[in-house]
Amino acid sequence: MNKASLLSTQPNLRAAKQRRSLKSHERRIGFAFALPSLIAFFAVILIPFLQSLKLSFYRYTIEMDTPRFVGLSNFKKLLSNPDTLSIWLNTLTFVVLTTSITLVLGLAWAVVLNQSFRGKAFLRALSLLPWVLPSTVTAFLAAWIFNGQYGILNAILLQLGVITEPVPWLAEAHSAMAAVVLTRVWVSVPLFMAFFLAGLQGVSQDQMDAARVDGCENIGVFRYVVLPHLAPTIIIVTILGAMSNLQAFDVIYALTQGGPVKATTMLSIEVYKQAFQNWDVGSACTIGVLWFLTIAIPSIFYLRILFKREN
């Protein structure tokens, strides 16, 4: 290699070295910003989860000084209990109904609020109220609405002549599940609506006008233009909504406490009852493992979608 060639390659080498140094510096800065979140994740999520996973192999109740290793006995007891399947099915029923109803209502309300009319901004702000209020407050309000003796729902239905005597909505299995689902939907619709409303802002007005010129009515425009544009948002919101509903506790406990006769007992409620009513920490941790595995299913789909979008 002659001297001229050597001199010409030196700037390229320096530039490559600077790029490597810059990337290394950016990685260190990125790690520094992520470090507090990583510490919080280890302290609040990972370490307690590993501790719970460990205790699921132990018998540990309030009268015991130290946990006693029992191997898979807690899991065998859980799987042989007939209530386990009903609680798991209650959880799936609650998640499917709540997520699907919230999805439809949230999308429909977002389409309404995306139109131009007087008072739109006020109505948007008002629509977020159920989400802004604490869930427990909403649950107590719903308990008053569905109360079998003095509830406003019975009062309205009696006044309209739909029923002839008060209905104990929260004391019957099917109506109690319906009340829990509707209350959770009430809380969740504003969040779904906000996601869909943000997605609707990106729909091209030119595409909608072109579809109308081609002869599409409003339903056709929604089907062939709006829905394809919102498809990624719908998928992500559905998965996140299912994950959130799998973890629902406050609304259910404040409204029915899992009753009547475990008709609205979900995995989250059963973990609480085993840990803080029966004081059986080992059984609670075992149910928590089943709960975690159930939540992991939509989480895997969500992560796969994120990785595909990044690639």
Protein backbone atom coordinates (compact mmCIF):
# COMPACT_ATOMS: atom_id res chain seq x y z
CA MET A 1 0.00 0.00 0.00
CA ASN A 2 1.52 3.32 -1.02
CA LYS A 3 1.65 6.42 1.09
CA ALA A 4 -1.25 8.14 -0.69
CA SER A 5 -3.56 5.18 -0.11
CA LEU A 6 -2.55 5.02 3.55
CA LEU A 7 -3.29 8.69 4.04
CA SER A 8 -6.69 8.37 2.35
CA THR A 9 -7.77 5.51 4.64
CA GLN A 10 -6.86 7.31 7.86
CA PRO A 11 -9.92 9.66 7.82
CA ASN A 12 -12.20 6.67 7.23
CA LEU A 13 -10.65 4.83 10.14
CA ARG A 14 -11.02 7.87 12.37
CA ALA A 15 -14.68 8.27 11.30
CA ALA A 16 -15.42 4.60 12.00
CA LYS A 17 -13.74 4.87 15.40
CA GLN A 18 -15.79 7.97 16.23
CA ARG A 19 -19.01 6.20 15.20
CA ARG A 20 -18.18 3.24 17.44
CA SER A 21 -17.37 5.59 20.30
CA LEU A 22 -20.62 7.49 19.75
CA LYS A 23 -22.67 4.28 19.72
CA SER A 24 -20.96 3.09 22.88
CA HIS A 25 -21.68 6.44 24.53
CA GLU A 26 -25.34 6.26 23.46
CA ARG A 27 -25.65 2.74 24.88
CA ARG A 28 -24.23 3.90 28.21
CA ILE A 29 -26.64 6.85 28.31
CA GLY A 30 -29.56 4.59 27.37
CA PHE A 31 -28.62 2.11 30.09
CA ALA A 32 -28.34 4.96 32.62
CA PHE A 33 -31.86 6.14 31.77
CA ALA A 34 -33.21 2.57 31.94
CA LEU A 35 -31.42 1.73 35.21
CA PRO A 36 -34.07 3.21 37.58
CA SER A 37 -36.80 1.29 35.76
CA LEU A 38 -34.74 -1.91 35.93
CA ILE A 39 -34.18 -1.45 39.66
CA ALA A 40 -37.91 -0.85 40.19
CA PHE A 41 -38.75 -3.91 38.06
CA PHE A 42 -36.44 -6.15 40.09
CA ALA A 43 -37.59 -4.76 43.44
CA VAL A 44 -41.34 -4.55 42.81
CA ILE A 45 -42.05 -7.30 40.26
CA LEU A 46 -39.33 -9.87 39.65
CA ILE A 47 -38.14 -10.53 43.22
CA PRO A 48 -41.69 -10.79 44.69
CA PHE A 49 -42.69 -13.06 41.79
CA LEU A 50 -39.74 -15.38 42.37
CA GLN A 51 -40.52 -15.41 46.10
CA SER A 52 -44.15 -16.29 45.35
CA LEU A 53 -43.04 -19.00 42.94
CA LYS A 54 -40.81 -20.44 45.68
CA LEU A 55 -43.63 -20.34 48.28
CA SER A 56 -45.97 -22.22 45.93
CA PHE A 57 -43.89 -25.32 46.76
CA TYR A 58 -44.31 -24.77 50.51
CA ARG A 59 -47.12 -25.01 53.02
CA TYR A 60 -47.21 -21.73 54.89
CA THR A 61 -50.14 -20.63 57.04
CA ILE A 62 -50.59 -18.07 59.79
CA GLU A 63 -50.03 -20.58 62.60
CA MET A 64 -46.68 -21.74 61.15
CA ASP A 65 -43.41 -20.09 62.13
CA THR A 66 -41.54 -21.16 59.00
CA PRO A 67 -42.71 -22.54 55.64
CA ARG A 68 -42.61 -26.32 55.18
CA PHE A 69 -41.58 -27.73 51.81
CA VAL A 70 -44.32 -29.90 50.28
CA GLY A 71 -43.19 -30.12 46.65
CA LEU A 72 -46.07 -30.27 44.16
CA SER A 73 -48.73 -30.92 46.80
CA ASN A 74 -50.17 -27.41 46.49
CA PHE A 75 -50.51 -27.82 42.72
CA LYS A 76 -52.12 -31.26 43.08
CA LYS A 77 -54.54 -29.84 45.62
CA LEU A 78 -55.34 -26.91 43.34
CA LEU A 79 -55.92 -29.04 40.25
CA SER A 80 -58.05 -31.60 42.15
CA ASN A 81 -60.28 -28.89 43.62
CA PRO A 82 -63.51 -28.65 41.55
CA ASP A 83 -63.74 -24.94 42.34
CA THR A 84 -60.50 -24.26 40.43
CA LEU A 85 -62.02 -24.95 37.01
CA SER A 86 -65.13 -22.86 37.76
CA ILE A 87 -62.99 -19.94 38.99
CA TRP A 88 -60.78 -20.16 35.90
CA LEU A 89 -63.84 -20.29 33.63
CA ASN A 90 -65.33 -17.31 35.51
CA THR A 91 -62.14 -15.42 34.81
CA LEU A 92 -62.15 -16.27 31.10
CA THR A 93 -65.86 -15.43 30.79
CA PHE A 94 -65.31 -12.11 32.49
CA VAL A 95 -62.28 -11.27 30.32
CA VAL A 96 -63.93 -12.25 27.01
CA LEU A 97 -67.21 -10.43 27.72
CA THR A 98 -65.61 -7.32 29.17
CA THR A 99 -62.97 -6.97 26.47
CA SER A 100 -65.34 -7.58 23.54
CA ILE A 101 -68.09 -5.28 24.79
CA THR A 102 -65.60 -2.56 25.67
CA LEU A 103 -63.99 -2.88 22.24
CA VAL A 104 -67.29 -2.41 20.39
CA LEU A 105 -68.55 0.44 22.58
CA GLY A 106 -65.18 2.19 22.68
CA LEU A 107 -64.83 2.09 18.89
CA ALA A 108 -68.41 3.23 18.31
CA TRP A 109 -68.07 6.12 20.77
CA ALA A 110 -64.72 7.14 19.25
CA VAL A 111 -66.36 7.33 15.81
CA VAL A 112 -69.10 9.54 17.26
CA LEU A 113 -66.63 11.85 19.00
CA ASN A 114 -64.55 12.08 15.84
CA GLN A 115 -67.37 13.93 14.08
CA SER A 116 -67.70 17.73 14.04
CA PHE A 117 -70.52 19.07 16.22
CA ARG A 118 -71.08 21.70 18.88
CA GLY A 119 -69.87 20.71 22.35
CA LYS A 120 -67.56 17.97 21.09
CA ALA A 121 -64.67 18.98 23.35
CA PHE A 122 -66.90 19.03 26.45
CA LEU A 123 -68.35 15.62 25.59
CA ARG A 124 -64.85 14.18 25.10
CA ALA A 125 -63.81 15.42 28.53
CA LEU A 126 -67.02 14.12 30.10
CA SER A 127 -66.47 10.70 28.50
CA LEU A 128 -63.19 10.30 30.39
CA LEU A 129 -64.88 10.76 33.77
CA PRO A 130 -65.48 7.03 34.53
CA TRP A 131 -61.80 6.35 33.83
CA VAL A 132 -60.56 9.30 35.90
CA LEU A 133 -62.65 8.33 38.94
CA PRO A 134 -61.16 5.67 41.24
CA SER A 135 -62.47 2.24 40.30
CA THR A 136 -63.65 1.59 43.83
CA VAL A 137 -65.83 4.71 43.74
CA THR A 138 -67.34 3.53 40.46
CA ALA A 139 -67.94 0.08 41.96
CA PHE A 140 -69.76 1.50 44.99
CA LEU A 141 -71.86 3.63 42.66
CA ALA A 142 -72.69 0.53 40.63
CA ALA A 143 -73.57 -1.36 43.83
CA TRP A 144 -76.12 1.36 44.59
CA ILE A 145 -77.53 1.12 41.06
CA PHE A 146 -77.89 -2.69 41.19
CA ASN A 147 -79.04 -2.89 44.82
CA GLY A 148 -82.03 -5.22 45.12
CA GLN A 149 -83.88 -3.11 47.70
CA TYR A 150 -83.29 0.54 46.94
CA GLY A 151 -81.31 0.45 43.67
CA ILE A 152 -82.11 2.97 40.98
CA LEU A 153 -82.25 0.25 38.30
CA ASN A 154 -85.12 -1.52 40.04
CA ALA A 155 -86.85 1.81 40.61
CA ILE A 156 -86.72 2.65 36.89
CA LEU A 157 -87.83 -0.81 35.77
CA LEU A 158 -90.71 -0.82 38.28
CA GLN A 159 -91.78 2.62 37.12
CA LEU A 160 -91.77 1.46 33.48
CA GLY A 161 -93.65 -1.71 34.34
CA VAL A 162 -90.89 -4.00 33.08
CA ILE A 163 -90.77 -5.86 36.41
CA THR A 164 -93.43 -6.30 39.08
CA GLU A 165 -91.11 -6.71 42.07
CA PRO A 166 -87.51 -5.76 42.87
CA VAL A 167 -84.85 -8.04 41.42
CA PRO A 168 -81.83 -8.97 43.60
CA TRP A 169 -79.30 -8.36 40.83
CA LEU A 170 -76.21 -8.98 42.96
CA ALA A 171 -77.65 -12.03 44.74
CA GLU A 172 -78.12 -14.20 41.64
CA ALA A 173 -75.26 -15.80 39.72
CA HIS A 174 -75.97 -14.66 36.15
CA SER A 175 -77.15 -11.16 37.02
CA ALA A 176 -74.19 -10.66 39.39
CA MET A 177 -71.74 -11.58 36.62
CA ALA A 178 -73.57 -9.24 34.24
CA ALA A 179 -73.37 -6.42 36.81
CA VAL A 180 -69.62 -6.97 37.28
CA VAL A 181 -69.01 -7.05 33.53
CA LEU A 182 -71.05 -3.91 32.86
CA THR A 183 -69.31 -2.03 35.67
CA ARG A 184 -65.89 -2.98 34.35
CA VAL A 185 -66.99 -1.97 30.84
CA TRP A 186 -68.11 1.38 32.21
CA VAL A 187 -64.64 1.93 33.65
CA SER A 188 -62.74 0.69 30.57
CA VAL A 189 -64.64 2.28 27.65
CA PRO A 190 -63.03 5.74 28.04
CA LEU A 191 -59.52 4.30 27.71
CA PHE A 192 -60.41 2.26 24.64
CA MET A 193 -62.17 5.29 23.19
CA ALA A 194 -59.06 7.43 23.67
CA PHE A 195 -56.88 4.92 21.80
CA PHE A 196 -59.34 4.62 18.92
CA LEU A 197 -59.90 8.36 18.76
CA ALA A 198 -56.15 8.87 18.41
CA GLY A 199 -56.09 6.27 15.64
CA LEU A 200 -58.98 7.95 13.82
CA GLN A 201 -57.02 11.19 13.66
CA GLY A 202 -54.63 9.50 11.24
CA VAL A 203 -57.27 8.29 8.78
CA SER A 204 -56.81 10.09 5.48
CA GLN A 205 -59.73 12.35 4.61
CA ASP A 206 -58.76 12.06 0.93
CA GLN A 207 -59.20 8.27 1.08
CA MET A 208 -62.63 8.60 2.66
CA ASP A 209 -63.69 11.19 0.06
CA ALA A 210 -62.41 8.94 -2.73
CA ALA A 211 -64.39 6.01 -1.33
CA ARG A 212 -67.55 8.12 -1.27
CA VAL A 213 -66.92 9.20 -4.86
CA ASP A 214 -66.67 5.50 -5.80
CA GLY A 215 -70.15 4.98 -4.36
CA CYS A 216 -69.44 3.83 -0.79
CA GLU A 217 -71.92 4.79 1.89
CA ASN A 218 -70.82 5.57 5.44
CA ILE A 219 -70.81 1.87 6.36
CA GLY A 220 -68.66 1.07 3.33
CA VAL A 221 -66.21 3.85 4.17
CA PHE A 222 -65.95 2.54 7.72
CA ARG A 223 -65.45 -1.05 6.54
CA TYR A 224 -63.01 -0.51 3.69
CA VAL A 225 -61.10 2.60 4.83
CA VAL A 226 -61.38 3.15 8.58
CA LEU A 227 -61.20 -0.44 9.86
CA PRO A 228 -58.07 -1.43 7.86
CA HIS A 229 -56.33 1.69 9.18
CA LEU A 230 -57.35 0.89 12.77
CA ALA A 231 -56.53 -2.84 12.55
CA PRO A 232 -53.12 -2.58 14.36
CA THR A 233 -54.66 -0.38 17.06
CA ILE A 234 -57.57 -2.80 17.51
CA ILE A 235 -55.23 -5.76 17.94
CA ILE A 236 -52.98 -4.05 20.47
CA VAL A 237 -55.86 -2.51 22.43
CA THR A 238 -57.65 -5.86 22.57
CA ILE A 239 -54.59 -7.66 23.94
CA LEU A 240 -53.82 -4.91 26.47
CA GLY A 241 -57.49 -4.83 27.50
CA ALA A 242 -57.52 -8.60 28.03
CA MET A 243 -54.36 -8.39 30.15
CA SER A 244 -55.87 -5.59 32.22
CA ASN A 245 -59.15 -7.45 32.73
CA LEU A 246 -57.28 -10.58 33.80
CA GLN A 247 -55.82 -8.49 36.63
CA ALA A 248 -59.12 -6.82 37.61
CA PHE A 249 -59.76 -6.91 41.36
CA ASP A 250 -61.08 -3.68 42.86
CA VAL A 251 -64.34 -3.44 40.88
CA ILE A 252 -65.21 -7.10 41.46
CA TYR A 253 -64.37 -7.13 45.16
CA ALA A 254 -66.13 -3.86 45.94
CA LEU A 255 -69.24 -4.94 44.03
CA THR A 256 -69.74 -8.61 44.94
CA GLN A 257 -66.62 -9.83 46.83
CA GLY A 258 -66.70 -12.84 44.52
CA GLY A 259 -70.26 -13.89 45.35
CA PRO A 260 -72.88 -15.12 45.28
CA VAL A 261 -71.50 -18.63 45.92
CA LYS A 262 -68.29 -17.83 43.99
CA ALA A 263 -70.28 -16.89 40.86
CA THR A 264 -68.04 -13.86 40.31
CA THR A 265 -64.87 -15.20 41.94
CA MET A 266 -61.93 -14.65 39.61
CA LEU A 267 -58.33 -15.74 40.05
CA SER A 268 -57.47 -12.33 41.50
CA ILE A 269 -60.24 -12.61 44.11
CA GLU A 270 -59.28 -16.17 45.04
CA VAL A 271 -55.63 -15.19 45.58
CA TYR A 272 -56.76 -12.44 47.95
CA LYS A 273 -59.13 -14.73 49.86
CA GLN A 274 -56.55 -17.47 50.29
CA ALA A 275 -53.85 -15.03 51.42
CA PHE A 276 -55.79 -12.58 53.61
CA GLN A 277 -58.92 -14.48 54.70
CA ASN A 278 -57.75 -18.09 54.97
CA TRP A 279 -54.16 -16.97 55.67
CA ASP A 280 -52.85 -19.79 53.47
CA VAL A 281 -49.92 -18.12 51.72
CA GLY A 282 -48.77 -21.30 49.98
CA SER A 283 -52.14 -21.90 48.32
CA ALA A 284 -52.40 -18.23 47.39
CA CYS A 285 -49.00 -18.36 45.68
CA THR A 286 -50.00 -21.53 43.83
CA ILE A 287 -53.14 -19.85 42.48
CA GLY A 288 -50.95 -16.87 41.64
CA VAL A 289 -48.82 -19.10 39.42
CA LEU A 290 -51.95 -20.23 37.54
CA TRP A 291 -52.99 -16.58 37.32
CA PHE A 292 -49.57 -15.63 35.94
CA LEU A 293 -49.68 -18.38 33.29
CA THR A 294 -53.12 -17.18 32.21
CA ILE A 295 -51.91 -13.60 31.88
CA ALA A 296 -48.81 -14.78 30.00
CA ILE A 297 -50.90 -15.99 27.05
CA PRO A 298 -52.01 -12.53 25.80
CA SER A 299 -48.65 -11.10 26.87
CA ILE A 300 -46.82 -13.42 24.45
CA PHE A 301 -49.07 -12.32 21.58
CA TYR A 302 -48.50 -8.67 22.48
CA LEU A 303 -44.72 -9.06 22.54
CA ARG A 304 -44.72 -10.92 19.22
CA ILE A 305 -46.67 -8.07 17.62
CA LEU A 306 -44.27 -5.49 19.03
CA PHE A 307 -41.20 -7.37 17.76
CA LYS A 308 -42.73 -7.79 14.31
CA ARG A 309 -43.47 -4.06 14.10
CA GLU A 310 -39.91 -3.19 15.15
CA ASN A 311 -38.42 -5.55 12.56
